[in-house]
Amino acid sequence: MSSFLIVYNRRSGHVKMRRFDGKSAAREALLERFRLEKSIEDPDVEVVALNSDSEETVRKTHSRYFQRENLDAA
């Protein structure tokens, strides 16, 4: 299972996603989430750490983060 870190700007719809693999993936993603939350002062920016079998599953189960990408592709 992989871990994913999502940084999402609610105002702009901009999203960044990073994948973590390996035994300590979940821990690394969570630590990075905490680090980013401390450094980001914008209340419109959300930082989320998730565990999933694939990026495709994350994009389905948390589709609201990727709506802008879908609109841009259309």
PDB file of N, CA and C in Angstrom:
ATOM      1  N   MET A   1       0.845  -1.178   0.000  1.00  0.00           N
ATOM      2  CA  MET A   1       0.000   0.000   0.000  1.00  0.00           C
ATOM      3  C   MET A   1       0.888   1.238   0.000  1.00  0.00           C
ATOM      4  N   SER A   2       0.473   2.229  -0.739  1.00  0.00           N
ATOM      5  CA  SER A   2       1.200   3.491  -0.834  1.00  0.00           C
ATOM      6  C   SER A   2       0.504   4.553  -0.001  1.00  0.00           C
ATOM      7  N   SER A   3       1.226   5.617   0.260  1.00  0.00           N
ATOM      8  CA  SER A   3       0.657   6.783   0.920  1.00  0.00           C
ATOM      9  C   SER A   3       0.771   7.958  -0.031  1.00  0.00           C
ATOM     10  N   PHE A   4      -0.169   8.864   0.086  1.00  0.00           N
ATOM     11  CA  PHE A   4      -0.212  10.025  -0.790  1.00  0.00           C
ATOM     12  C   PHE A   4      -0.394  11.279   0.044  1.00  0.00           C
ATOM     13  N   LEU A   5       0.296  12.315  -0.359  1.00  0.00           N
ATOM     14  CA  LEU A   5       0.166  13.617   0.281  1.00  0.00           C
ATOM     15  C   LEU A   5      -0.458  14.548  -0.743  1.00  0.00           C
ATOM     16  N   ILE A   6      -1.567  15.162  -0.375  1.00  0.00           N
ATOM     17  CA  ILE A   6      -2.255  16.092  -1.264  1.00  0.00           C
ATOM     18  C   ILE A   6      -2.214  17.475  -0.638  1.00  0.00           C
ATOM     19  N   VAL A   7      -1.816  18.455  -1.437  1.00  0.00           N
ATOM     20  CA  VAL A   7      -1.871  19.859  -1.034  1.00  0.00           C
ATOM     21  C   VAL A   7      -2.857  20.514  -1.995  1.00  0.00           C
ATOM     22  N   TYR A   8      -3.956  21.008  -1.445  1.00  0.00           N
ATOM     23  CA  TYR A   8      -5.060  21.507  -2.258  1.00  0.00           C
ATOM     24  C   TYR A   8      -5.418  22.927  -1.858  1.00  0.00           C
ATOM     25  N   ASN A   9      -5.476  23.811  -2.847  1.00  0.00           N
ATOM     26  CA  ASN A   9      -5.899  25.186  -2.614  1.00  0.00           C
ATOM     27  C   ASN A   9      -7.366  25.290  -3.008  1.00  0.00           C
ATOM     28  N   ARG A  10      -8.222  25.470  -2.015  1.00  0.00           N
ATOM     29  CA  ARG A  10      -9.666  25.516  -2.268  1.00  0.00           C
ATOM     30  C   ARG A  10     -10.054  26.690  -3.160  1.00  0.00           C
ATOM     31  N   ARG A  11      -9.378  27.816  -3.020  1.00  0.00           N
ATOM     32  CA  ARG A  11      -9.722  29.013  -3.787  1.00  0.00           C
ATOM     33  C   ARG A  11      -9.379  28.850  -5.272  1.00  0.00           C
ATOM     34  N   SER A  12      -8.174  28.390  -5.553  1.00  0.00           N
ATOM     35  CA  SER A  12      -7.722  28.293  -6.947  1.00  0.00           C
ATOM     36  C   SER A  12      -8.015  26.934  -7.587  1.00  0.00           C
ATOM     37  N   GLY A  13      -8.216  25.911  -6.764  1.00  0.00           N
ATOM     38  CA  GLY A  13      -8.410  24.562  -7.285  1.00  0.00           C
ATOM     39  C   GLY A  13      -7.105  23.860  -7.628  1.00  0.00           C
ATOM     40  N   HIS A  14      -5.989  24.527  -7.363  1.00  0.00           N
ATOM     41  CA  HIS A  14      -4.675  23.936  -7.667  1.00  0.00           C
ATOM     42  C   HIS A  14      -4.390  22.786  -6.705  1.00  0.00           C
ATOM     43  N   VAL A  15      -3.877  21.688  -7.236  1.00  0.00           N
ATOM     44  CA  VAL A  15      -3.583  20.512  -6.413  1.00  0.00           C
ATOM     45  C   VAL A  15      -2.197  19.973  -6.748  1.00  0.00           C
ATOM     46  N   LYS A  16      -1.500  19.540  -5.704  1.00  0.00           N
ATOM     47  CA  LYS A  16      -0.226  18.835  -5.861  1.00  0.00           C
ATOM     48  C   LYS A  16      -0.372  17.517  -5.121  1.00  0.00           C
ATOM     49  N   MET A  17       0.133  16.450  -5.719  1.00  0.00           N
ATOM     50  CA  MET A  17       0.074  15.155  -5.054  1.00  0.00           C
ATOM     51  C   MET A  17       1.448  14.501  -5.124  1.00  0.00           C
ATOM     52  N   ARG A  18       1.849  13.936  -4.009  1.00  0.00           N
ATOM     53  CA  ARG A  18       3.133  13.233  -3.924  1.00  0.00           C
ATOM     54  C   ARG A  18       2.880  11.830  -3.380  1.00  0.00           C
ATOM     55  N   ARG A  19       3.549  10.866  -3.964  1.00  0.00           N
ATOM     56  CA  ARG A  19       3.391   9.463  -3.564  1.00  0.00           C
ATOM     57  C   ARG A  19       4.569   9.041  -2.688  1.00  0.00           C
ATOM     58  N   PHE A  20       4.276   8.259  -1.656  1.00  0.00           N
ATOM     59  CA  PHE A  20       5.285   7.687  -0.769  1.00  0.00           C
ATOM     60  C   PHE A  20       5.137   6.171  -0.814  1.00  0.00           C
ATOM     61  N   ASP A  21       6.242   5.465  -1.001  1.00  0.00           N
ATOM     62  CA  ASP A  21       6.225   4.006  -1.048  1.00  0.00           C
ATOM     63  C   ASP A  21       7.206   3.442  -0.030  1.00  0.00           C
ATOM     64  N   GLY A  22       7.030   2.174   0.296  1.00  0.00           N
ATOM     65  CA  GLY A  22       7.937   1.503   1.213  1.00  0.00           C
ATOM     66  C   GLY A  22       7.327   1.310   2.588  1.00  0.00           C
ATOM     67  N   LYS A  23       8.095   0.667   3.451  1.00  0.00           N
ATOM     68  CA  LYS A  23       7.612   0.330   4.798  1.00  0.00           C
ATOM     69  C   LYS A  23       7.204   1.546   5.613  1.00  0.00           C
ATOM     70  N   SER A  24       7.928   2.632   5.468  1.00  0.00           N
ATOM     71  CA  SER A  24       7.654   3.817   6.285  1.00  0.00           C
ATOM     72  C   SER A  24       6.860   4.881   5.526  1.00  0.00           C
ATOM     73  N   ALA A  25       6.195   4.490   4.441  1.00  0.00           N
ATOM     74  CA  ALA A  25       5.473   5.452   3.601  1.00  0.00           C
ATOM     75  C   ALA A  25       4.427   6.243   4.378  1.00  0.00           C
ATOM     76  N   ALA A  26       3.611   5.556   5.159  1.00  0.00           N
ATOM     77  CA  ALA A  26       2.545   6.240   5.896  1.00  0.00           C
ATOM     78  C   ALA A  26       3.128   7.240   6.888  1.00  0.00           C
ATOM     79  N   ARG A  27       4.172   6.834   7.573  1.00  0.00           N
ATOM     80  CA  ARG A  27       4.817   7.718   8.553  1.00  0.00           C
ATOM     81  C   ARG A  27       5.435   8.930   7.863  1.00  0.00           C
ATOM     82  N   GLU A  28       6.129   8.701   6.755  1.00  0.00           N
ATOM     83  CA  GLU A  28       6.766   9.797   6.020  1.00  0.00           C
ATOM     84  C   GLU A  28       5.730  10.792   5.503  1.00  0.00           C
ATOM     85  N   ALA A  29       4.634  10.291   4.960  1.00  0.00           N
ATOM     86  CA  ALA A  29       3.582  11.174   4.444  1.00  0.00           C
ATOM     87  C   ALA A  29       2.966  11.993   5.572  1.00  0.00           C
ATOM     88  N   LEU A  30       2.737  11.361   6.704  1.00  0.00           N
ATOM     89  CA  LEU A  30       2.146  12.068   7.836  1.00  0.00           C
ATOM     90  C   LEU A  30       3.094  13.128   8.393  1.00  0.00           C
ATOM     91  N   LEU A  31       4.367  12.797   8.509  1.00  0.00           N
ATOM     92  CA  LEU A  31       5.350  13.780   8.983  1.00  0.00           C
ATOM     93  C   LEU A  31       5.451  14.962   8.025  1.00  0.00           C
ATOM     94  N   GLU A  32       5.405  14.680   6.729  1.00  0.00           N
ATOM     95  CA  GLU A  32       5.447  15.763   5.737  1.00  0.00           C
ATOM     96  C   GLU A  32       4.189  16.614   5.829  1.00  0.00           C
ATOM     97  N   ARG A  33       3.059  15.990   6.079  1.00  0.00           N
ATOM     98  CA  ARG A  33       1.810  16.741   6.269  1.00  0.00           C
ATOM     99  C   ARG A  33       1.941  17.702   7.438  1.00  0.00           C
ATOM    100  N   PHE A  34       2.434  17.209   8.572  1.00  0.00           N
ATOM    101  CA  PHE A  34       2.598  18.069   9.747  1.00  0.00           C
ATOM    102  C   PHE A  34       3.563  19.213   9.466  1.00  0.00           C
ATOM    103  N   ARG A  35       4.653  18.915   8.754  1.00  0.00           N
ATOM    104  CA  ARG A  35       5.641  19.949   8.436  1.00  0.00           C
ATOM    105  C   ARG A  35       5.011  21.041   7.565  1.00  0.00           C
ATOM    106  N   LEU A  36       4.282  20.623   6.557  1.00  0.00           N
ATOM    107  CA  LEU A  36       3.646  21.586   5.664  1.00  0.00           C
ATOM    108  C   LEU A  36       2.567  22.398   6.370  1.00  0.00           C
ATOM    109  N   GLU A  37       1.779  21.746   7.216  1.00  0.00           N
ATOM    110  CA  GLU A  37       0.727  22.466   7.933  1.00  0.00           C
ATOM    111  C   GLU A  37       1.302  23.581   8.803  1.00  0.00           C
ATOM    112  N   LYS A  38       2.474  23.355   9.362  1.00  0.00           N
ATOM    113  CA  LYS A  38       3.115  24.388  10.179  1.00  0.00           C
ATOM    114  C   LYS A  38       3.597  25.565   9.340  1.00  0.00           C
ATOM    115  N   SER A  39       3.981  25.294   8.099  1.00  0.00           N
ATOM    116  CA  SER A  39       4.582  26.344   7.271  1.00  0.00           C
ATOM    117  C   SER A  39       3.578  27.088   6.389  1.00  0.00           C
ATOM    118  N   ILE A  40       2.413  26.532   6.169  1.00  0.00           N
ATOM    119  CA  ILE A  40       1.416  27.165   5.297  1.00  0.00           C
ATOM    120  C   ILE A  40       0.448  27.972   6.150  1.00  0.00           C
ATOM    121  N   GLU A  41       0.367  29.264   5.856  1.00  0.00           N
ATOM    122  CA  GLU A  41      -0.505  30.147   6.630  1.00  0.00           C
ATOM    123  C   GLU A  41      -1.830  30.442   5.938  1.00  0.00           C
ATOM    124  N   ASP A  42      -1.963  30.054   4.695  1.00  0.00           N
ATOM    125  CA  ASP A  42      -3.172  30.323   3.923  1.00  0.00           C
ATOM    126  C   ASP A  42      -4.297  29.390   4.384  1.00  0.00           C
ATOM    127  N   PRO A  43      -5.397  29.938   4.906  1.00  0.00           N
ATOM    128  CA  PRO A  43      -6.492  29.086   5.382  1.00  0.00           C
ATOM    129  C   PRO A  43      -7.211  28.334   4.259  1.00  0.00           C
ATOM    130  N   ASP A  44      -6.967  28.727   3.008  1.00  0.00           N
ATOM    131  CA  ASP A  44      -7.593  28.045   1.877  1.00  0.00           C
ATOM    132  C   ASP A  44      -6.799  26.837   1.395  1.00  0.00           C
ATOM    133  N   VAL A  45      -5.652  26.578   2.013  1.00  0.00           N
ATOM    134  CA  VAL A  45      -4.823  25.440   1.603  1.00  0.00           C
ATOM    135  C   VAL A  45      -5.029  24.284   2.569  1.00  0.00           C
ATOM    136  N   GLU A  46      -5.380  23.153   2.010  1.00  0.00           N
ATOM    137  CA  GLU A  46      -5.628  21.925   2.763  1.00  0.00           C
ATOM    138  C   GLU A  46      -4.478  20.954   2.508  1.00  0.00           C
ATOM    139  N   VAL A  47      -3.992  20.302   3.551  1.00  0.00           N
ATOM    140  CA  VAL A  47      -2.944  19.293   3.402  1.00  0.00           C
ATOM    141  C   VAL A  47      -3.494  17.984   3.955  1.00  0.00           C
ATOM    142  N   VAL A  48      -3.457  16.939   3.126  1.00  0.00           N
ATOM    143  CA  VAL A  48      -4.069  15.664   3.489  1.00  0.00           C
ATOM    144  C   VAL A  48      -3.092  14.525   3.219  1.00  0.00           C
ATOM    145  N   ALA A  49      -2.993  13.597   4.152  1.00  0.00           N
ATOM    146  CA  ALA A  49      -2.201  12.377   3.958  1.00  0.00           C
ATOM    147  C   ALA A  49      -3.174  11.201   3.909  1.00  0.00           C
ATOM    148  N   LEU A  50      -3.037  10.370   2.875  1.00  0.00           N
ATOM    149  CA  LEU A  50      -3.941   9.241   2.665  1.00  0.00           C
ATOM    150  C   LEU A  50      -3.161   7.973   2.363  1.00  0.00           C
ATOM    151  N   ASN A  51      -3.739   6.842   2.702  1.00  0.00           N
ATOM    152  CA  ASN A  51      -3.188   5.544   2.312  1.00  0.00           C
ATOM    153  C   ASN A  51      -4.134   4.932   1.288  1.00  0.00           C
ATOM    154  N   SER A  52      -3.559   4.370   0.238  1.00  0.00           N
ATOM    155  CA  SER A  52      -4.391   3.785  -0.809  1.00  0.00           C
ATOM    156  C   SER A  52      -3.590   2.774  -1.618  1.00  0.00           C
ATOM    157  N   ASP A  53      -4.315   1.922  -2.323  1.00  0.00           N
ATOM    158  CA  ASP A  53      -3.648   0.936  -3.178  1.00  0.00           C
ATOM    159  C   ASP A  53      -3.112   1.562  -4.461  1.00  0.00           C
ATOM    160  N   SER A  54      -3.674   2.723  -4.867  1.00  0.00           N
ATOM    161  CA  SER A  54      -3.209   3.340  -6.110  1.00  0.00           C
ATOM    162  C   SER A  54      -3.619   4.808  -6.191  1.00  0.00           C
ATOM    163  N   GLU A  55      -2.939   5.530  -7.072  1.00  0.00           N
ATOM    164  CA  GLU A  55      -3.302   6.928  -7.335  1.00  0.00           C
ATOM    165  C   GLU A  55      -4.698   6.993  -7.945  1.00  0.00           C
ATOM    166  N   GLU A  56      -5.014   6.043  -8.790  1.00  0.00           N
ATOM    167  CA  GLU A  56      -6.336   5.998  -9.418  1.00  0.00           C
ATOM    168  C   GLU A  56      -7.444   5.931  -8.360  1.00  0.00           C
ATOM    169  N   THR A  57      -7.237   5.122  -7.337  1.00  0.00           N
ATOM    170  CA  THR A  57      -8.226   5.015  -6.267  1.00  0.00           C
ATOM    171  C   THR A  57      -8.353   6.334  -5.517  1.00  0.00           C
ATOM    172  N   VAL A  58      -7.234   6.986  -5.229  1.00  0.00           N
ATOM    173  CA  VAL A  58      -7.266   8.293  -4.551  1.00  0.00           C
ATOM    174  C   VAL A  58      -8.062   9.287  -5.392  1.00  0.00           C
ATOM    175  N   ARG A  59      -7.828   9.292  -6.687  1.00  0.00           N
ATOM    176  CA  ARG A  59      -8.528  10.227  -7.574  1.00  0.00           C
ATOM    177  C   ARG A  59     -10.035   9.947  -7.610  1.00  0.00           C
ATOM    178  N   LYS A  60     -10.437   8.700  -7.392  1.00  0.00           N
ATOM    179  CA  LYS A  60     -11.861   8.358  -7.351  1.00  0.00           C
ATOM    180  C   LYS A  60     -12.472   8.684  -5.993  1.00  0.00           C
ATOM    181  N   THR A  61     -11.805   8.268  -4.920  1.00  0.00           N
ATOM    182  CA  THR A  61     -12.378   8.432  -3.582  1.00  0.00           C
ATOM    183  C   THR A  61     -12.298   9.866  -3.069  1.00  0.00           C
ATOM    184  N   HIS A  62     -11.374  10.650  -3.601  1.00  0.00           N
ATOM    185  CA  HIS A  62     -11.207  12.044  -3.174  1.00  0.00           C
ATOM    186  C   HIS A  62     -11.259  12.965  -4.393  1.00  0.00           C
ATOM    187  N   SER A  63     -12.245  12.731  -5.227  1.00  0.00           N
ATOM    188  CA  SER A  63     -12.337  13.406  -6.525  1.00  0.00           C
ATOM    189  C   SER A  63     -12.477  14.920  -6.421  1.00  0.00           C
ATOM    190  N   ARG A  64     -12.971  15.429  -5.314  1.00  0.00           N
ATOM    191  CA  ARG A  64     -13.139  16.885  -5.206  1.00  0.00           C
ATOM    192  C   ARG A  64     -11.818  17.626  -5.334  1.00  0.00           C
ATOM    193  N   TYR A  65     -10.731  16.985  -4.952  1.00  0.00           N
ATOM    194  CA  TYR A  65      -9.420  17.626  -5.075  1.00  0.00           C
ATOM    195  C   TYR A  65      -8.972  17.742  -6.536  1.00  0.00           C
ATOM    196  N   PHE A  66      -9.553  16.964  -7.411  1.00  0.00           N
ATOM    197  CA  PHE A  66      -9.091  16.888  -8.796  1.00  0.00           C
ATOM    198  C   PHE A  66     -10.107  17.435  -9.797  1.00  0.00           C
ATOM    199  N   GLN A  67     -11.137  18.101  -9.317  1.00  0.00           N
ATOM    200  CA  GLN A  67     -12.174  18.621 -10.205  1.00  0.00           C
ATOM    201  C   GLN A  67     -11.619  19.621 -11.209  1.00  0.00           C
ATOM    202  N   ARG A  68     -10.717  20.478 -10.777  1.00  0.00           N
ATOM    203  CA  ARG A  68     -10.158  21.477 -11.695  1.00  0.00           C
ATOM    204  C   ARG A  68      -9.365  20.795 -12.809  1.00  0.00           C
ATOM    205  N   GLU A  69      -8.589  19.767 -12.456  1.00  0.00           N
ATOM    206  CA  GLU A  69      -7.843  19.021 -13.476  1.00  0.00           C
ATOM    207  C   GLU A  69      -8.794  18.448 -14.517  1.00  0.00           C
ATOM    208  N   ASN A  70      -9.919  17.919 -14.052  1.00  0.00           N
ATOM    209  CA  ASN A  70     -10.893  17.327 -14.965  1.00  0.00           C
ATOM    210  C   ASN A  70     -11.506  18.389 -15.873  1.00  0.00           C
ATOM    211  N   LEU A  71     -11.770  19.582 -15.336  1.00  0.00           N
ATOM    212  CA  LEU A  71     -12.319  20.669 -16.143  1.00  0.00           C
ATOM    213  C   LEU A  71     -11.301  21.166 -17.157  1.00  0.00           C
ATOM    214  N   ASP A  72     -10.036  21.273 -16.732  1.00  0.00           N
ATOM    215  CA  ASP A  72      -8.982  21.736 -17.633  1.00  0.00           C
ATOM    216  C   ASP A  72      -8.761  20.764 -18.790  1.00  0.00           C
ATOM    217  N   ALA A  73      -8.984  19.475 -18.544  1.00  0.00           N
ATOM    218  CA  ALA A  73      -8.769  18.453 -19.572  1.00  0.00           C
ATOM    219  C   ALA A  73      -9.922  18.409 -20.581  1.00  0.00           C
ATOM    220  N   ALA A  74     -11.080  18.919 -20.175  1.00  0.00           N
ATOM    221  CA  ALA A  74     -12.273  18.863 -21.049  1.00  0.00           C
ATOM    222  C   ALA A  74     -12.218  19.884 -22.167  1.00  0.00           C
TER     223      ALA A  74
END
